[in-house]
Amino acid sequence: MILIECPNCGPRDETEYHYGGQAHVAYPEDPSQLTDKEWAEYLFYRDNPKGLFAERWVHTGGCRRWFNAVRDTVTYEFKAVYRTGEPRPDLASLSQAGNNKEGAAK
């Protein structure tokens, strides 16, 4: 069981949440001006990195609010959670903090 920290409700079981895709994808300013290819890229193309990734999650079994999280796609560990509209934490500092923690455990 994985506990996910909801910024509104606190830690809850992962079964209470649903994944919402990549975070911080800006809606086009004027979608009617996009070509079919540009519109398809906006709708369907997302990053798929190995490592830290900013994602959207919704707490469907609790407050029903959307929030963002930075999760390591290799270990599935959540490194940070933050409310929608707040800036994304610096991925380099989160990665460095994880490296320091691993080094201390050795």
N, C-alpha and C. Protein backbone atom coordinates (compact mmCIF):
# COMPACT_ATOMS: atom_id res chain seq x y z
N MET A 1 0.84 -1.17 0.00
CA MET A 1 0.00 0.00 0.00
C MET A 1 0.89 1.24 0.00
N ILE A 2 0.53 2.20 -0.83
CA ILE A 2 1.24 3.46 -0.91
C ILE A 2 0.36 4.55 -0.33
N LEU A 3 0.93 5.36 0.54
CA LEU A 3 0.21 6.51 1.07
C LEU A 3 0.57 7.73 0.24
N ILE A 4 -0.45 8.44 -0.21
CA ILE A 4 -0.25 9.67 -0.96
C ILE A 4 -0.73 10.81 -0.09
N GLU A 5 0.08 11.85 0.01
CA GLU A 5 -0.22 13.01 0.85
C GLU A 5 -1.10 13.98 0.08
N CYS A 6 -2.38 14.04 0.43
CA CYS A 6 -3.27 15.04 -0.17
C CYS A 6 -2.99 16.37 0.52
N PRO A 7 -2.80 17.47 -0.23
CA PRO A 7 -2.51 18.75 0.42
C PRO A 7 -3.70 19.27 1.23
N ASN A 8 -4.88 18.69 1.05
CA ASN A 8 -6.07 19.13 1.79
C ASN A 8 -6.45 18.19 2.92
N CYS A 9 -6.26 16.89 2.71
CA CYS A 9 -6.75 15.88 3.67
C CYS A 9 -5.65 15.14 4.43
N GLY A 10 -4.41 15.26 3.98
CA GLY A 10 -3.33 14.51 4.61
C GLY A 10 -3.13 13.17 3.91
N PRO A 11 -2.31 12.30 4.50
CA PRO A 11 -1.98 11.03 3.85
C PRO A 11 -3.18 10.08 3.81
N ARG A 12 -3.39 9.51 2.62
CA ARG A 12 -4.47 8.55 2.41
C ARG A 12 -3.97 7.43 1.50
N ASP A 13 -4.66 6.30 1.53
CA ASP A 13 -4.32 5.15 0.71
C ASP A 13 -4.42 5.49 -0.78
N GLU A 14 -3.54 4.93 -1.57
CA GLU A 14 -3.50 5.22 -3.00
C GLU A 14 -4.80 4.89 -3.73
N THR A 15 -5.63 4.01 -3.18
CA THR A 15 -6.89 3.64 -3.84
C THR A 15 -7.89 4.79 -3.86
N GLU A 16 -7.66 5.84 -3.08
CA GLU A 16 -8.55 7.00 -3.05
C GLU A 16 -8.25 8.02 -4.15
N TYR A 17 -7.21 7.78 -4.95
CA TYR A 17 -6.76 8.77 -5.93
C TYR A 17 -6.86 8.24 -7.35
N HIS A 18 -6.91 9.19 -8.29
CA HIS A 18 -6.82 8.85 -9.70
C HIS A 18 -5.79 9.77 -10.36
N TYR A 19 -5.02 9.17 -11.25
CA TYR A 19 -3.97 9.87 -11.98
C TYR A 19 -4.60 10.75 -13.05
N GLY A 20 -4.06 11.95 -13.24
CA GLY A 20 -4.62 12.88 -14.21
C GLY A 20 -3.66 13.32 -15.30
N GLY A 21 -2.52 12.68 -15.41
CA GLY A 21 -1.59 13.03 -16.48
C GLY A 21 -0.54 14.04 -16.07
N GLN A 22 0.17 14.51 -17.05
CA GLN A 22 1.28 15.45 -16.84
C GLN A 22 0.76 16.79 -16.34
N ALA A 23 1.43 17.36 -15.35
CA ALA A 23 1.07 18.67 -14.80
C ALA A 23 1.71 19.78 -15.63
N HIS A 24 1.18 20.96 -15.49
CA HIS A 24 1.73 22.18 -16.08
C HIS A 24 1.73 22.16 -17.61
N VAL A 25 0.69 21.59 -18.21
CA VAL A 25 0.52 21.63 -19.66
C VAL A 25 -0.44 22.79 -19.94
N ALA A 26 0.07 23.84 -20.52
CA ALA A 26 -0.73 25.05 -20.74
C ALA A 26 -1.71 24.86 -21.89
N TYR A 27 -2.95 25.29 -21.65
CA TYR A 27 -3.97 25.26 -22.70
C TYR A 27 -3.60 26.30 -23.75
N PRO A 28 -3.74 25.98 -25.02
CA PRO A 28 -3.39 26.95 -26.07
C PRO A 28 -4.19 28.24 -25.93
N GLU A 29 -3.53 29.37 -26.16
CA GLU A 29 -4.20 30.67 -26.05
C GLU A 29 -5.35 30.80 -27.03
N ASP A 30 -5.15 30.33 -28.25
CA ASP A 30 -6.21 30.42 -29.26
C ASP A 30 -6.28 29.07 -29.98
N PRO A 31 -7.01 28.11 -29.42
CA PRO A 31 -7.04 26.77 -30.01
C PRO A 31 -7.57 26.74 -31.44
N SER A 32 -8.42 27.71 -31.80
CA SER A 32 -8.97 27.71 -33.16
C SER A 32 -7.90 28.00 -34.21
N GLN A 33 -6.77 28.54 -33.79
CA GLN A 33 -5.69 28.85 -34.73
C GLN A 33 -4.69 27.71 -34.90
N LEU A 34 -4.86 26.62 -34.13
CA LEU A 34 -3.93 25.50 -34.22
C LEU A 34 -4.22 24.65 -35.45
N THR A 35 -3.17 24.12 -36.02
CA THR A 35 -3.34 23.15 -37.08
C THR A 35 -3.78 21.83 -36.45
N ASP A 36 -4.23 20.91 -37.26
CA ASP A 36 -4.63 19.60 -36.74
C ASP A 36 -3.45 18.92 -36.03
N LYS A 37 -2.27 19.07 -36.60
CA LYS A 37 -1.08 18.46 -36.00
C LYS A 37 -0.77 19.10 -34.65
N GLU A 38 -0.84 20.43 -34.55
CA GLU A 38 -0.58 21.12 -33.28
C GLU A 38 -1.62 20.74 -32.22
N TRP A 39 -2.88 20.63 -32.64
CA TRP A 39 -3.95 20.27 -31.70
C TRP A 39 -3.74 18.83 -31.21
N ALA A 40 -3.38 17.93 -32.11
CA ALA A 40 -3.11 16.55 -31.72
C ALA A 40 -1.94 16.47 -30.76
N GLU A 41 -0.89 17.26 -31.00
CA GLU A 41 0.25 17.27 -30.10
C GLU A 41 -0.15 17.77 -28.71
N TYR A 42 -0.99 18.79 -28.66
CA TYR A 42 -1.46 19.28 -27.36
C TYR A 42 -2.28 18.20 -26.63
N LEU A 43 -3.17 17.54 -27.35
CA LEU A 43 -4.05 16.56 -26.72
C LEU A 43 -3.37 15.25 -26.33
N PHE A 44 -2.47 14.76 -27.17
CA PHE A 44 -2.00 13.39 -27.01
C PHE A 44 -0.52 13.23 -26.67
N TYR A 45 0.31 14.21 -26.92
CA TYR A 45 1.74 14.04 -26.71
C TYR A 45 2.12 14.56 -25.33
N ARG A 46 2.73 13.70 -24.54
CA ARG A 46 3.19 14.06 -23.21
C ARG A 46 4.59 13.51 -22.99
N ASP A 47 5.29 14.15 -22.06
CA ASP A 47 6.62 13.66 -21.70
C ASP A 47 6.48 12.30 -21.01
N ASN A 48 7.51 11.51 -21.09
CA ASN A 48 7.53 10.20 -20.44
C ASN A 48 8.94 9.94 -19.91
N PRO A 49 9.37 10.75 -18.92
CA PRO A 49 10.75 10.64 -18.47
C PRO A 49 10.98 9.49 -17.49
N LYS A 50 12.21 9.11 -17.40
CA LYS A 50 12.64 8.19 -16.37
C LYS A 50 13.19 9.06 -15.25
N GLY A 51 12.53 9.04 -14.09
CA GLY A 51 12.96 9.88 -12.98
C GLY A 51 11.84 10.77 -12.50
N LEU A 52 12.18 11.97 -12.06
CA LEU A 52 11.19 12.88 -11.48
C LEU A 52 10.27 13.46 -12.55
N PHE A 53 8.97 13.51 -12.22
CA PHE A 53 7.97 13.93 -13.18
C PHE A 53 6.83 14.61 -12.44
N ALA A 54 6.42 15.79 -12.90
CA ALA A 54 5.30 16.51 -12.30
C ALA A 54 3.99 16.00 -12.90
N GLU A 55 3.06 15.59 -12.02
CA GLU A 55 1.82 14.97 -12.44
C GLU A 55 0.62 15.63 -11.76
N ARG A 56 -0.56 15.40 -12.33
CA ARG A 56 -1.82 15.84 -11.73
C ARG A 56 -2.50 14.63 -11.11
N TRP A 57 -3.07 14.82 -9.94
CA TRP A 57 -3.81 13.77 -9.25
C TRP A 57 -5.10 14.37 -8.70
N VAL A 58 -6.12 13.54 -8.56
CA VAL A 58 -7.37 13.98 -7.94
C VAL A 58 -7.69 13.02 -6.80
N HIS A 59 -8.11 13.59 -5.68
CA HIS A 59 -8.45 12.79 -4.51
C HIS A 59 -9.94 12.45 -4.58
N THR A 60 -10.27 11.46 -5.40
CA THR A 60 -11.67 11.11 -5.66
C THR A 60 -12.36 10.51 -4.44
N GLY A 61 -11.63 9.85 -3.57
CA GLY A 61 -12.22 9.22 -2.40
C GLY A 61 -12.23 10.13 -1.19
N GLY A 62 -11.91 11.39 -1.36
CA GLY A 62 -11.85 12.32 -0.24
C GLY A 62 -12.43 13.67 -0.63
N CYS A 63 -11.57 14.66 -0.70
CA CYS A 63 -12.01 16.04 -0.94
C CYS A 63 -12.40 16.32 -2.39
N ARG A 64 -12.07 15.41 -3.30
CA ARG A 64 -12.35 15.53 -4.73
C ARG A 64 -11.63 16.70 -5.39
N ARG A 65 -10.58 17.15 -4.81
CA ARG A 65 -9.82 18.26 -5.39
C ARG A 65 -8.60 17.75 -6.13
N TRP A 66 -8.25 18.50 -7.17
CA TRP A 66 -7.05 18.22 -7.95
C TRP A 66 -5.84 18.84 -7.27
N PHE A 67 -4.71 18.19 -7.40
CA PHE A 67 -3.44 18.73 -6.91
C PHE A 67 -2.33 18.19 -7.79
N ASN A 68 -1.15 18.72 -7.61
CA ASN A 68 0.02 18.29 -8.37
C ASN A 68 0.97 17.55 -7.46
N ALA A 69 1.76 16.68 -8.05
CA ALA A 69 2.76 15.93 -7.31
C ALA A 69 3.98 15.72 -8.18
N VAL A 70 5.12 15.64 -7.55
CA VAL A 70 6.34 15.23 -8.25
C VAL A 70 6.62 13.81 -7.78
N ARG A 71 6.66 12.90 -8.75
CA ARG A 71 6.84 11.48 -8.44
C ARG A 71 8.02 10.95 -9.24
N ASP A 72 8.76 10.05 -8.63
CA ASP A 72 9.86 9.38 -9.32
C ASP A 72 9.27 8.19 -10.07
N THR A 73 9.35 8.22 -11.39
CA THR A 73 8.74 7.16 -12.20
C THR A 73 9.49 5.83 -12.11
N VAL A 74 10.68 5.85 -11.55
CA VAL A 74 11.45 4.62 -11.39
C VAL A 74 11.05 3.90 -10.10
N THR A 75 10.98 4.65 -9.00
CA THR A 75 10.70 4.06 -7.70
C THR A 75 9.24 4.21 -7.27
N TYR A 76 8.46 5.03 -7.98
CA TYR A 76 7.08 5.37 -7.68
C TYR A 76 6.95 6.24 -6.42
N GLU A 77 8.07 6.66 -5.86
CA GLU A 77 8.06 7.49 -4.65
C GLU A 77 7.60 8.91 -4.96
N PHE A 78 6.69 9.42 -4.13
CA PHE A 78 6.25 10.80 -4.26
C PHE A 78 7.25 11.69 -3.53
N LYS A 79 7.83 12.63 -4.25
CA LYS A 79 8.85 13.51 -3.69
C LYS A 79 8.26 14.80 -3.15
N ALA A 80 7.14 15.26 -3.73
CA ALA A 80 6.49 16.50 -3.27
C ALA A 80 5.06 16.51 -3.76
N VAL A 81 4.18 17.13 -2.98
CA VAL A 81 2.81 17.40 -3.42
C VAL A 81 2.54 18.88 -3.19
N TYR A 82 1.73 19.48 -4.06
CA TYR A 82 1.44 20.90 -3.94
C TYR A 82 0.12 21.19 -4.64
N ARG A 83 -0.54 22.24 -4.20
CA ARG A 83 -1.85 22.59 -4.73
C ARG A 83 -1.75 23.09 -6.18
N THR A 84 -2.84 22.90 -6.91
CA THR A 84 -2.94 23.43 -8.27
C THR A 84 -2.79 24.94 -8.21
N GLY A 85 -2.00 25.48 -9.12
CA GLY A 85 -1.75 26.91 -9.15
C GLY A 85 -0.46 27.31 -8.45
N GLU A 86 0.06 26.46 -7.58
CA GLU A 86 1.34 26.72 -6.94
C GLU A 86 2.46 26.33 -7.91
N PRO A 87 3.61 26.98 -7.82
CA PRO A 87 4.70 26.63 -8.73
C PRO A 87 5.26 25.24 -8.43
N ARG A 88 5.74 24.61 -9.48
CA ARG A 88 6.36 23.29 -9.32
C ARG A 88 7.66 23.43 -8.54
N PRO A 89 7.90 22.55 -7.57
CA PRO A 89 9.20 22.57 -6.87
C PRO A 89 10.33 22.31 -7.86
N ASP A 90 11.50 22.78 -7.53
CA ASP A 90 12.68 22.60 -8.37
C ASP A 90 13.06 21.12 -8.40
N LEU A 91 13.00 20.53 -9.58
CA LEU A 91 13.28 19.10 -9.71
C LEU A 91 14.72 18.76 -9.36
N ALA A 92 15.64 19.65 -9.68
CA ALA A 92 17.06 19.39 -9.38
C ALA A 92 17.27 19.31 -7.87
N SER A 93 16.64 20.21 -7.10
CA SER A 93 16.82 20.17 -5.64
C SER A 93 16.14 18.94 -5.04
N LEU A 94 15.01 18.52 -5.60
CA LEU A 94 14.35 17.30 -5.11
C LEU A 94 15.20 16.08 -5.41
N SER A 95 15.81 16.07 -6.60
CA SER A 95 16.69 14.96 -6.97
C SER A 95 17.92 14.92 -6.07
N GLN A 96 18.48 16.10 -5.81
CA GLN A 96 19.66 16.19 -4.95
C GLN A 96 19.33 15.76 -3.53
N ALA A 97 18.17 16.15 -3.02
CA ALA A 97 17.76 15.76 -1.67
C ALA A 97 17.63 14.25 -1.57
N GLY A 98 17.10 13.62 -2.63
CA GLY A 98 16.99 12.16 -2.64
C GLY A 98 18.35 11.49 -2.67
N ASN A 99 19.29 12.07 -3.42
CA ASN A 99 20.64 11.52 -3.49
C ASN A 99 21.34 11.64 -2.15
N ASN A 100 21.14 12.76 -1.44
CA ASN A 100 21.75 12.95 -0.13
C ASN A 100 21.19 11.95 0.87
N LYS A 101 19.89 11.69 0.80
CA LYS A 101 19.25 10.75 1.73
C LYS A 101 19.79 9.34 1.49
N GLU A 102 19.95 8.96 0.20
CA GLU A 102 20.48 7.64 -0.12
C GLU A 102 21.92 7.51 0.34
N GLY A 103 22.71 8.57 0.17
CA GLY A 103 24.10 8.53 0.58
C GLY A 103 24.25 8.39 2.09
N ALA A 104 23.34 9.01 2.84
CA ALA A 104 23.39 8.94 4.30
C ALA A 104 23.02 7.55 4.80
N ALA A 105 22.18 6.84 4.02
CA ALA A 105 21.72 5.52 4.45
C ALA A 105 22.77 4.45 4.24
N LYS A 106 23.78 4.71 3.42
CA LYS A 106 24.82 3.70 3.14
C LYS A 106 25.79 3.54 4.26
